[in-house]
Amino acid sequence: MEDYRITEQFMKTLKAVTEIEVDVWQTPFKEIHKEGIFRLIHYHPKVEKTLPTPVLIVYAYINRPYILDLQPDRSIVGKLLDNGLDVYMIDWGYPKKADKYIDIEDYVEYIDKAVGIVSRRTDKSKITLHGYCLGGTLSIIYSALNPEKVKNLVLQATPVDFDVPKTINIWAKSLDADKVVEALGNAPGEFLNNAFLLADPIGLTFGKYANLIKEAKDETFLKNFLRMEKWIFDSPDIPGETFRRYIKDWYQKNLLIKNEFELAGKKVELNRINMPTLAITADYDHIAPPESTKPVLEAISSTDKMAMTFPTGHIGVSVGSKPAYSLWPKVINWIKDRS
């Protein structure tokens, strides 16, 4: 009888799920530049006079950037706008087979192009750069190569030291990136998704669906659940040359934290990062744990640097209810005070 009730509840949940439509970009924006698959968007300000220093968000080239604007009541973008900040975001798009030769240099070059566009539009020579996950890693590289263009650096759940023995690191270190690229051209988004599930296979599969059954009658919960599911499975492929290089140079050789990573013939020296820097970390992050991020604060030369750690996971730091009300007001105040 108990098995029957569980099955019945599961079928009711499935029916409820299929009847709900969800949106994932919550805040209006305008596309102001496009180059190939890359584009730069500008969110509509919510105040008449924004704070002087604009914010440029750089998300990872894995998954999609709307995780920062996923839910109406927990949108990080919305909170930044509510506090008078002028917000821009880079969208890396969906690489096709023809994009397999896009390299890390191309991503950093587009960050520079976006910074230039934002600076000209706002008449500001420096911007606040907010990098999330591997977008934070790209932001570190950019800031080290162009410190004169970055006023503040915000790093959210950003891997820097890739020798931390967590599941995702072990997987990446054992991978033959050359064979993946030779066989597939680009690394499929599903391939990366499966790797991330290895970090917490029970919690990220059985655990969340068990919770779905329990909360199925709550329409708000269901909508937020579906938004998250849409984001999780909206996974762009990774350009082959980008995949090859970040797996080999970052995860396997750990060149960035050693100051041995080179881009376009220039060595990326972390001590050139001299601007105010905030590192946001999550205690239960299996992709970029605090011990992977915090070493960057020791490597940079900035005298204004801080770490904020919250008891949540890699994605929870953006969409969790507790961080929304406890962590992000502190983060936003840090940015406002330096804007």
Protein backbone atom coordinates (compact mmCIF):
# COMPACT_ATOMS: atom_id res chain seq x y z
CA MET A 1 0.00 0.00 0.00
CA GLU A 2 2.84 2.39 0.83
CA ASP A 3 4.49 1.73 -2.55
CA TYR A 4 1.17 2.49 -4.26
CA ARG A 5 0.86 5.82 -2.45
CA ILE A 6 4.39 6.82 -3.42
CA THR A 7 3.72 5.91 -7.06
CA GLU A 8 0.42 7.78 -7.04
CA GLN A 9 2.06 10.86 -5.56
CA PHE A 10 4.88 10.66 -8.12
CA MET A 11 2.39 10.52 -11.01
CA LYS A 12 0.49 13.50 -9.61
CA THR A 13 3.75 15.38 -9.35
CA LEU A 14 4.65 14.58 -12.96
CA LYS A 15 1.24 15.82 -14.11
CA ALA A 16 1.61 19.04 -12.15
CA VAL A 17 5.09 19.58 -13.54
CA THR A 18 4.04 19.17 -17.17
CA GLU A 19 1.27 21.75 -16.79
CA ILE A 20 3.49 24.58 -15.56
CA GLU A 21 5.30 27.01 -17.86
CA VAL A 22 8.28 28.95 -16.51
CA ASP A 23 10.40 31.89 -17.57
CA VAL A 24 14.09 32.11 -16.71
CA TRP A 25 15.23 35.62 -17.70
CA GLN A 26 13.40 37.75 -15.12
CA THR A 27 14.78 41.22 -15.80
CA PRO A 28 14.42 43.27 -19.02
CA PHE A 29 17.63 43.89 -20.97
CA LYS A 30 18.87 45.04 -24.35
CA GLU A 31 21.50 43.39 -26.52
CA ILE A 32 24.05 46.12 -27.27
CA HIS A 33 26.78 44.15 -29.04
CA LYS A 34 27.16 40.81 -30.79
CA GLU A 35 30.19 39.12 -32.27
CA GLY A 36 29.74 35.57 -33.52
CA ILE A 37 28.15 33.58 -30.71
CA PHE A 38 29.20 36.10 -28.04
CA ARG A 39 26.98 39.01 -27.04
CA LEU A 40 26.90 41.81 -24.50
CA ILE A 41 23.61 42.76 -22.82
CA HIS A 42 22.64 45.77 -20.72
CA TYR A 43 19.96 45.45 -18.07
CA HIS A 44 17.46 48.29 -17.87
CA PRO A 45 18.36 50.41 -14.82
CA LYS A 46 15.75 50.64 -12.08
CA VAL A 47 16.82 54.07 -10.81
CA GLU A 48 17.06 57.40 -12.60
CA LYS A 49 20.70 57.98 -11.62
CA THR A 50 22.87 54.89 -11.26
CA LEU A 51 26.06 54.65 -9.21
CA PRO A 52 29.14 55.83 -11.12
CA THR A 53 30.95 52.51 -11.59
CA PRO A 54 29.20 50.03 -13.92
CA VAL A 55 29.20 46.28 -13.21
CA LEU A 56 30.11 43.74 -15.90
CA ILE A 57 29.11 40.15 -15.08
CA VAL A 58 31.20 37.38 -16.64
CA TYR A 59 29.63 33.96 -16.28
CA ALA A 60 31.30 30.64 -17.11
CA TYR A 61 31.17 29.21 -20.62
CA ILE A 62 29.49 26.18 -19.02
CA ASN A 63 25.70 26.43 -18.55
CA ARG A 64 23.91 29.75 -19.01
CA PRO A 65 24.25 33.13 -17.25
CA TYR A 66 20.57 33.53 -16.39
CA ILE A 67 21.23 31.57 -13.19
CA LEU A 68 21.87 35.06 -11.77
CA ASP A 69 18.40 36.16 -12.90
CA LEU A 70 16.49 32.90 -12.47
CA GLN A 71 13.77 33.58 -9.91
CA PRO A 72 11.76 36.76 -9.38
CA ASP A 73 12.37 36.96 -5.63
CA ARG A 74 16.03 35.85 -5.69
CA SER A 75 17.46 37.45 -8.81
CA ILE A 76 21.00 38.66 -8.11
CA VAL A 77 20.76 40.93 -11.14
CA GLY A 78 17.52 42.36 -9.76
CA LYS A 79 19.14 43.06 -6.39
CA LEU A 80 22.08 44.84 -8.02
CA LEU A 81 19.68 47.01 -10.03
CA ASP A 82 17.49 47.73 -7.01
CA ASN A 83 20.58 49.15 -5.31
CA GLY A 84 21.33 51.58 -8.09
CA LEU A 85 24.03 49.67 -9.95
CA ASP A 86 24.36 49.79 -13.74
CA VAL A 87 24.58 46.13 -14.81
CA TYR A 88 25.97 44.55 -17.99
CA MET A 89 26.46 40.85 -18.71
CA ILE A 90 28.36 38.75 -21.24
CA ASP A 91 26.46 35.83 -22.80
CA TRP A 92 28.82 33.27 -24.37
CA GLY A 93 26.06 31.73 -26.47
CA TYR A 94 25.87 28.23 -27.94
CA PRO A 95 29.04 27.05 -29.73
CA LYS A 96 28.52 25.03 -32.91
CA LYS A 97 30.88 22.63 -34.68
CA ALA A 98 32.41 25.54 -36.57
CA ASP A 99 33.37 27.16 -33.25
CA LYS A 100 35.67 24.33 -32.10
CA TYR A 101 38.76 26.55 -32.47
CA ILE A 102 37.54 29.23 -30.05
CA ASP A 103 40.21 29.37 -27.36
CA ILE A 104 40.50 30.91 -23.90
CA GLU A 105 42.26 33.84 -25.60
CA ASP A 106 39.06 34.57 -27.53
CA TYR A 107 37.02 34.68 -24.33
CA VAL A 108 39.46 37.06 -22.62
CA GLU A 109 39.66 39.18 -25.77
CA TYR A 110 35.88 39.56 -25.77
CA ILE A 111 35.92 40.56 -22.09
CA ASP A 112 38.30 43.34 -23.14
CA LYS A 113 35.96 44.34 -25.95
CA ALA A 114 32.99 44.38 -23.57
CA VAL A 115 34.91 46.44 -21.01
CA GLY A 116 35.72 48.95 -23.75
CA ILE A 117 32.07 49.17 -24.84
CA VAL A 118 30.84 49.64 -21.26
CA SER A 119 33.53 52.24 -20.55
CA ARG A 120 32.61 54.28 -23.62
CA ARG A 121 28.87 54.09 -22.91
CA THR A 122 29.31 55.21 -19.30
CA ASP A 123 32.34 57.47 -19.76
CA LYS A 124 34.18 55.53 -17.04
CA SER A 125 37.74 54.30 -17.47
CA LYS A 126 37.30 51.47 -14.94
CA ILE A 127 34.51 48.99 -14.22
CA THR A 128 33.57 46.46 -11.56
CA LEU A 129 34.18 42.97 -12.94
CA HIS A 130 31.99 40.24 -11.41
CA GLY A 131 33.06 36.73 -12.40
CA TYR A 132 31.13 33.56 -11.53
CA CYS A 133 32.70 30.07 -11.56
CA LEU A 134 35.03 29.75 -14.58
CA GLY A 135 33.87 33.22 -15.56
CA GLY A 136 35.66 34.29 -12.40
CA THR A 137 38.78 32.46 -13.56
CA LEU A 138 38.58 34.37 -16.85
CA SER A 139 38.08 37.59 -14.87
CA ILE A 140 41.20 36.90 -12.83
CA ILE A 141 43.22 36.44 -16.00
CA TYR A 142 41.78 39.60 -17.52
CA SER A 143 42.39 41.65 -14.35
CA ALA A 144 45.99 40.47 -14.09
CA LEU A 145 46.64 41.45 -17.71
CA ASN A 146 44.65 44.72 -17.58
CA PRO A 147 44.63 46.01 -13.97
CA GLU A 148 44.26 49.60 -15.16
CA LYS A 149 40.77 48.82 -16.53
CA VAL A 150 39.28 47.12 -13.44
CA LYS A 151 38.18 49.17 -10.45
CA ASN A 152 36.83 46.26 -8.39
CA LEU A 153 36.99 42.48 -8.81
CA VAL A 154 34.25 40.19 -7.48
CA LEU A 155 34.87 36.44 -7.65
CA GLN A 156 31.87 34.19 -7.02
CA ALA A 157 32.48 30.44 -6.52
CA THR A 158 35.64 30.72 -8.62
CA PRO A 159 38.20 27.89 -8.95
CA VAL A 160 41.80 29.14 -8.89
CA ASP A 161 43.82 26.42 -7.19
CA PHE A 162 42.85 23.28 -9.10
CA ASP A 163 44.80 20.85 -6.93
CA VAL A 164 42.11 20.72 -4.24
CA PRO A 165 41.13 17.03 -3.94
CA LYS A 166 37.41 17.24 -4.65
CA THR A 167 35.43 14.91 -6.92
CA ILE A 168 35.24 17.19 -9.96
CA ASN A 169 38.99 17.84 -9.79
CA ILE A 170 39.77 14.13 -9.63
CA TRP A 171 37.58 13.53 -12.68
CA ALA A 172 39.24 16.32 -14.66
CA LYS A 173 42.76 15.24 -13.78
CA SER A 174 42.08 11.72 -15.06
CA LEU A 175 40.63 12.92 -18.35
CA ASP A 176 42.38 12.68 -21.72
CA ALA A 177 41.25 16.03 -23.12
CA ASP A 178 43.06 15.50 -26.43
CA LYS A 179 41.09 12.33 -27.15
CA VAL A 180 37.80 14.02 -26.27
CA VAL A 181 38.50 16.86 -28.70
CA GLU A 182 39.81 14.57 -31.42
CA ALA A 183 36.73 12.35 -31.16
CA LEU A 184 33.99 14.96 -30.62
CA GLY A 185 35.32 18.32 -31.76
CA ASN A 186 33.51 20.20 -28.99
CA ALA A 187 32.87 18.83 -25.50
CA PRO A 188 29.08 18.22 -25.30
CA GLY A 189 27.22 20.04 -22.57
CA GLU A 190 25.74 16.73 -21.39
CA PHE A 191 29.26 15.40 -20.94
CA LEU A 192 30.07 18.21 -18.50
CA ASN A 193 26.69 17.86 -16.76
CA ASN A 194 27.36 14.21 -16.01
CA ALA A 195 30.74 15.14 -14.58
CA PHE A 196 29.15 17.69 -12.23
CA LEU A 197 26.63 15.10 -11.05
CA LEU A 198 29.57 12.99 -9.88
CA ALA A 199 30.27 15.64 -7.26
CA ASP A 200 27.10 14.71 -5.34
CA PRO A 201 25.22 11.95 -7.21
CA ILE A 202 22.68 11.21 -4.47
CA GLY A 203 21.82 14.79 -3.57
CA LEU A 204 21.73 16.00 -7.16
CA THR A 205 19.49 13.18 -8.41
CA PHE A 206 17.44 11.12 -5.95
CA GLY A 207 17.50 13.77 -3.22
CA LYS A 208 16.06 16.61 -5.25
CA TYR A 209 13.35 14.48 -6.87
CA ALA A 210 12.28 13.11 -3.50
CA ASN A 211 11.91 16.70 -2.33
CA LEU A 212 9.90 17.48 -5.48
CA ILE A 213 7.32 14.83 -4.58
CA LYS A 214 7.03 16.21 -1.06
CA GLU A 215 6.52 19.81 -2.19
CA ALA A 216 4.48 19.13 -5.37
CA LYS A 217 1.39 21.02 -4.16
CA ASP A 218 3.34 24.28 -3.80
CA GLU A 219 3.13 26.03 -7.19
CA THR A 220 5.92 28.49 -6.32
CA PHE A 221 8.20 25.61 -5.39
CA LEU A 222 7.34 23.79 -8.62
CA LYS A 223 8.06 26.84 -10.76
CA ASN A 224 11.42 27.41 -9.10
CA PHE A 225 12.22 23.70 -9.41
CA LEU A 226 11.44 23.79 -13.14
CA ARG A 227 13.49 26.94 -13.63
CA MET A 228 16.44 25.17 -12.08
CA GLU A 229 15.89 22.04 -14.16
CA LYS A 230 15.73 24.13 -17.32
CA TRP A 231 19.00 25.84 -16.41
CA ILE A 232 20.75 22.57 -15.51
CA PHE A 233 19.93 20.95 -18.84
CA ASP A 234 20.43 24.11 -20.91
CA SER A 235 24.10 23.26 -21.35
CA PRO A 236 26.04 24.67 -24.31
CA ASP A 237 28.86 22.65 -25.79
CA ILE A 238 32.39 23.77 -24.91
CA PRO A 239 34.62 24.74 -27.87
CA GLY A 240 37.18 21.98 -28.34
CA GLU A 241 40.29 24.14 -27.96
CA THR A 242 38.90 25.86 -24.87
CA PHE A 243 38.07 22.50 -23.32
CA ARG A 244 41.49 21.09 -24.16
CA ARG A 245 43.33 24.02 -22.65
CA TYR A 246 41.42 24.57 -19.44
CA ILE A 247 41.45 20.86 -18.58
CA LYS A 248 45.16 20.51 -19.27
CA ASP A 249 46.53 23.88 -18.11
CA TRP A 250 44.24 24.53 -15.15
CA TYR A 251 43.01 21.23 -13.75
CA GLN A 252 45.94 18.98 -14.66
CA LYS A 253 48.93 21.36 -14.49
CA ASN A 254 47.42 23.95 -12.13
CA LEU A 255 49.33 26.70 -13.93
CA LEU A 256 47.20 29.69 -12.91
CA ILE A 257 47.89 29.73 -9.17
CA LYS A 258 51.56 28.99 -9.93
CA ASN A 259 51.79 32.14 -12.08
CA GLU A 260 52.81 29.96 -15.01
CA PHE A 261 49.72 30.27 -17.21
CA GLU A 262 50.32 32.18 -20.44
CA LEU A 263 47.87 33.91 -22.72
CA ALA A 264 48.92 35.23 -26.14
CA GLY A 265 52.54 34.97 -25.09
CA LYS A 266 52.02 36.92 -21.85
CA LYS A 267 52.46 35.32 -18.46
CA VAL A 268 49.47 35.85 -16.14
CA GLU A 269 51.03 37.16 -12.91
CA LEU A 270 48.46 37.27 -10.14
CA ASN A 271 50.35 39.87 -8.12
CA ARG A 272 49.39 42.43 -10.79
CA ILE A 273 45.84 42.30 -9.41
CA ASN A 274 45.93 45.40 -7.20
CA MET A 275 42.28 46.46 -7.15
CA PRO A 276 39.77 45.77 -4.31
CA THR A 277 38.86 42.09 -4.53
CA LEU A 278 35.99 40.15 -2.96
CA ALA A 279 35.91 36.34 -3.00
CA ILE A 280 32.47 34.78 -2.43
CA THR A 281 32.69 31.10 -1.51
CA ALA A 282 30.31 28.33 -0.46
CA ASP A 283 31.16 25.77 2.23
CA TYR A 284 29.52 22.86 0.35
CA ASP A 285 30.76 23.76 -3.12
CA HIS A 286 32.08 20.61 -4.84
CA ILE A 287 33.17 22.50 -7.96
CA ALA A 288 34.96 25.51 -6.49
CA PRO A 289 35.32 24.88 -2.74
CA PRO A 290 36.62 27.70 -0.53
CA GLU A 291 40.11 26.17 -0.45
CA SER A 292 40.21 26.44 -4.24
CA THR A 293 39.26 30.14 -4.29
CA LYS A 294 40.87 31.70 -1.22
CA PRO A 295 44.52 31.18 -2.31
CA VAL A 296 44.00 33.93 -4.89
CA LEU A 297 43.69 36.45 -2.05
CA GLU A 298 47.19 35.49 -0.91
CA ALA A 299 48.59 35.70 -4.44
CA ILE A 300 47.32 39.17 -5.38
CA SER A 301 48.90 42.48 -4.31
CA SER A 302 45.66 44.27 -3.38
CA THR A 303 45.49 45.60 0.17
CA ASP A 304 41.68 45.76 0.03
CA LYS A 305 40.58 42.14 -0.15
CA MET A 306 37.98 40.03 1.61
CA ALA A 307 36.40 36.59 1.58
CA MET A 308 32.73 35.97 2.34
CA THR A 309 31.77 32.34 2.91
CA PHE A 310 28.24 31.00 3.22
CA PRO A 311 26.97 27.51 4.20
CA THR A 312 25.53 26.50 0.82
CA GLY A 313 26.61 24.95 -2.49
CA HIS A 314 27.93 26.12 -5.84
CA ILE A 315 24.49 27.02 -7.22
CA GLY A 316 22.79 27.68 -3.89
CA VAL A 317 24.95 30.77 -3.42
CA SER A 318 22.98 32.32 -6.30
CA VAL A 319 19.46 30.91 -5.89
CA GLY A 320 19.20 29.75 -2.28
CA SER A 321 16.75 31.57 0.00
CA LYS A 322 19.20 32.07 2.89
CA PRO A 323 22.00 33.60 0.77
CA ALA A 324 19.42 35.87 -0.87
CA TYR A 325 18.60 37.46 2.48
CA SER A 326 21.89 37.12 4.36
CA LEU A 327 24.84 37.01 1.97
CA TRP A 328 23.90 39.20 -0.97
CA PRO A 329 23.07 42.40 0.96
CA LYS A 330 26.64 42.26 2.30
CA VAL A 331 28.08 41.61 -1.16
CA ILE A 332 26.10 44.45 -2.69
CA ASN A 333 27.12 46.85 0.07
CA TRP A 334 30.76 45.92 -0.58
CA ILE A 335 30.31 46.74 -4.27
CA LYS A 336 28.35 49.96 -3.58
CA ASP A 337 30.95 51.22 -1.14
CA ARG A 338 33.56 50.94 -3.90
CA SER A 339 31.39 52.24 -6.74
